[in-house]
């Protein structure tokens, strides 16, 4: 393998890293930070398009969401796509 070929191969991998891999890792970190900050009262949208309000945070992996008056469902936190409205933290 010639040095020029090795340089081109390295350059291609460098471009792929900065254009594809790095932005995807940043997006995953932001999504995980959003999931870690979930609290009772937040209005969310799931990946399936269901809107609801968080009633209870069960553990790190599950939340209970009210999707209609008196209708609560348990969902896995990784299926939450966005948080529409954040609740303010309780003031002491």
C-alpha atoms as a PDB file:
ATOM      1  CA  UNK A   1       0.000   0.000   0.000  1.00  0.00           C
ATOM      2  CA  UNK A   2       1.395   3.350  -1.008  1.00  0.00           C
ATOM      3  CA  UNK A   3       1.654   6.219   1.510  1.00  0.00           C
ATOM      4  CA  UNK A   4      -0.799   8.269  -0.555  1.00  0.00           C
ATOM      5  CA  UNK A   5      -3.400   5.488  -0.319  1.00  0.00           C
ATOM      6  CA  UNK A   6      -2.936   5.288   3.440  1.00  0.00           C
ATOM      7  CA  UNK A   7      -3.325   9.054   3.722  1.00  0.00           C
ATOM      8  CA  UNK A   8      -6.552   9.005   1.669  1.00  0.00           C
ATOM      9  CA  UNK A   9      -7.961   6.150   3.769  1.00  0.00           C
ATOM     10  CA  UNK A  10      -7.156   8.023   6.992  1.00  0.00           C
ATOM     11  CA  UNK A  11      -8.708  11.192   5.591  1.00  0.00           C
ATOM     12  CA  UNK A  12     -11.924   9.355   4.668  1.00  0.00           C
ATOM     13  CA  UNK A  13     -12.231   7.859   8.162  1.00  0.00           C
ATOM     14  CA  UNK A  14     -11.601  11.291   9.706  1.00  0.00           C
ATOM     15  CA  UNK A  15     -14.339  12.883   7.613  1.00  0.00           C
ATOM     16  CA  UNK A  16     -16.767  10.062   8.449  1.00  0.00           C
ATOM     17  CA  UNK A  17     -16.047  10.521  12.157  1.00  0.00           C
ATOM     18  CA  UNK A  18     -16.689  14.273  12.178  1.00  0.00           C
ATOM     19  CA  UNK A  19     -19.731  14.188   9.867  1.00  0.00           C
ATOM     20  CA  UNK A  20     -21.548  11.068  11.103  1.00  0.00           C
ATOM     21  CA  UNK A  21     -20.297   9.499  14.311  1.00  0.00           C
ATOM     22  CA  UNK A  22     -19.598  12.557  16.467  1.00  0.00           C
ATOM     23  CA  UNK A  23     -22.950  14.343  15.869  1.00  0.00           C
ATOM     24  CA  UNK A  24     -24.827  11.093  16.565  1.00  0.00           C
ATOM     25  CA  UNK A  25     -22.978  10.651  19.869  1.00  0.00           C
ATOM     26  CA  UNK A  26     -23.812  14.237  20.850  1.00  0.00           C
ATOM     27  CA  UNK A  27     -27.477  13.680  20.018  1.00  0.00           C
ATOM     28  CA  UNK A  28     -27.539  10.516  22.139  1.00  0.00           C
ATOM     29  CA  UNK A  29     -25.975  12.394  25.092  1.00  0.00           C
ATOM     30  CA  UNK A  30     -28.586  15.172  24.837  1.00  0.00           C
ATOM     31  CA  UNK A  31     -31.426  12.623  24.713  1.00  0.00           C
ATOM     32  CA  UNK A  32     -30.047  10.795  27.762  1.00  0.00           C
ATOM     33  CA  UNK A  33     -29.748  14.090  29.665  1.00  0.00           C
ATOM     34  CA  UNK A  34     -33.383  14.865  28.784  1.00  0.00           C
ATOM     35  CA  UNK A  35     -34.468  11.444  30.080  1.00  0.00           C
ATOM     36  CA  UNK A  36     -32.466  11.868  33.282  1.00  0.00           C
ATOM     37  CA  UNK A  37     -34.198  15.207  33.937  1.00  0.00           C
ATOM     38  CA  UNK A  38     -37.762  13.830  33.678  1.00  0.00           C
ATOM     39  CA  UNK A  39     -39.993  14.709  36.617  1.00  0.00           C
ATOM     40  CA  UNK A  40     -43.618  14.519  37.658  1.00  0.00           C
ATOM     41  CA  UNK A  41     -45.815  16.980  35.741  1.00  0.00           C
ATOM     42  CA  UNK A  42     -43.735  17.114  32.543  1.00  0.00           C
ATOM     43  CA  UNK A  43     -45.750  16.879  29.342  1.00  0.00           C
ATOM     44  CA  UNK A  44     -44.148  14.472  26.895  1.00  0.00           C
ATOM     45  CA  UNK A  45     -44.544  12.932  23.456  1.00  0.00           C
ATOM     46  CA  UNK A  46     -43.578   9.297  22.905  1.00  0.00           C
ATOM     47  CA  UNK A  47     -41.980   7.962  19.745  1.00  0.00           C
ATOM     48  CA  UNK A  48     -45.378   6.521  18.852  1.00  0.00           C
ATOM     49  CA  UNK A  49     -46.894  10.024  18.941  1.00  0.00           C
ATOM     50  CA  UNK A  50     -48.835   9.643  22.202  1.00  0.00           C
ATOM     51  CA  UNK A  51     -48.961  12.842  24.261  1.00  0.00           C
ATOM     52  CA  UNK A  52     -49.291  12.681  28.001  1.00  0.00           C
ATOM     53  CA  UNK A  53     -48.350  14.044  31.393  1.00  0.00           C
ATOM     54  CA  UNK A  54     -45.960  12.224  33.715  1.00  0.00           C
ATOM     55  CA  UNK A  55     -47.787  11.170  36.877  1.00  0.00           C
ATOM     56  CA  UNK A  56     -45.027   9.134  38.509  1.00  0.00           C
ATOM     57  CA  UNK A  57     -41.416   8.303  37.796  1.00  0.00           C
ATOM     58  CA  UNK A  58     -41.226   4.605  38.734  1.00  0.00           C
ATOM     59  CA  UNK A  59     -37.465   4.059  38.375  1.00  0.00           C
ATOM     60  CA  UNK A  60     -34.716   4.872  35.888  1.00  0.00           C
ATOM     61  CA  UNK A  61     -36.377   2.812  33.187  1.00  0.00           C
ATOM     62  CA  UNK A  62     -40.130   3.422  33.538  1.00  0.00           C
ATOM     63  CA  UNK A  63     -42.630   6.255  34.040  1.00  0.00           C
ATOM     64  CA  UNK A  64     -46.383   6.378  34.517  1.00  0.00           C
ATOM     65  CA  UNK A  65     -48.098   8.738  32.076  1.00  0.00           C
ATOM     66  CA  UNK A  66     -51.652  10.071  32.091  1.00  0.00           C
ATOM     67  CA  UNK A  67     -52.852  10.114  28.472  1.00  0.00           C
ATOM     68  CA  UNK A  68     -56.487  11.020  29.239  1.00  0.00           C
ATOM     69  CA  UNK A  69     -58.478  11.870  32.358  1.00  0.00           C
ATOM     70  CA  UNK A  70     -58.103   8.855  34.618  1.00  0.00           C
ATOM     71  CA  UNK A  71     -56.196   6.777  32.034  1.00  0.00           C
ATOM     72  CA  UNK A  72     -52.633   6.034  33.140  1.00  0.00           C
ATOM     73  CA  UNK A  73     -50.136   3.905  31.256  1.00  0.00           C
ATOM     74  CA  UNK A  74     -46.628   2.782  32.129  1.00  0.00           C
ATOM     75  CA  UNK A  75     -44.019   3.382  29.454  1.00  0.00           C
ATOM     76  CA  UNK A  76     -40.313   2.774  29.121  1.00  0.00           C
ATOM     77  CA  UNK A  77     -38.380   6.044  29.308  1.00  0.00           C
ATOM     78  CA  UNK A  78     -36.325   5.302  26.193  1.00  0.00           C
ATOM     79  CA  UNK A  79     -39.520   5.613  24.102  1.00  0.00           C
ATOM     80  CA  UNK A  80     -39.969   9.276  25.082  1.00  0.00           C
ATOM     81  CA  UNK A  81     -39.136  11.441  22.071  1.00  0.00           C
ATOM     82  CA  UNK A  82     -39.548  14.987  23.422  1.00  0.00           C
ATOM     83  CA  UNK A  83     -40.581  16.946  26.478  1.00  0.00           C
ATOM     84  CA  UNK A  84     -43.158  19.602  25.569  1.00  0.00           C
ATOM     85  CA  UNK A  85     -43.472  21.461  28.877  1.00  0.00           C
ATOM     86  CA  UNK A  86     -41.124  21.202  31.812  1.00  0.00           C
ATOM     87  CA  UNK A  87     -42.510  21.703  35.295  1.00  0.00           C
ATOM     88  CA  UNK A  88     -40.810  24.126  37.613  1.00  0.00           C
ATOM     89  CA  UNK A  89     -38.972  22.548  40.541  1.00  0.00           C
ATOM     90  CA  UNK A  90     -40.734  22.859  43.890  1.00  0.00           C
ATOM     91  CA  UNK A  91     -39.597  25.871  45.895  1.00  0.00           C
ATOM     92  CA  UNK A  92     -38.757  25.330  49.535  1.00  0.00           C
END
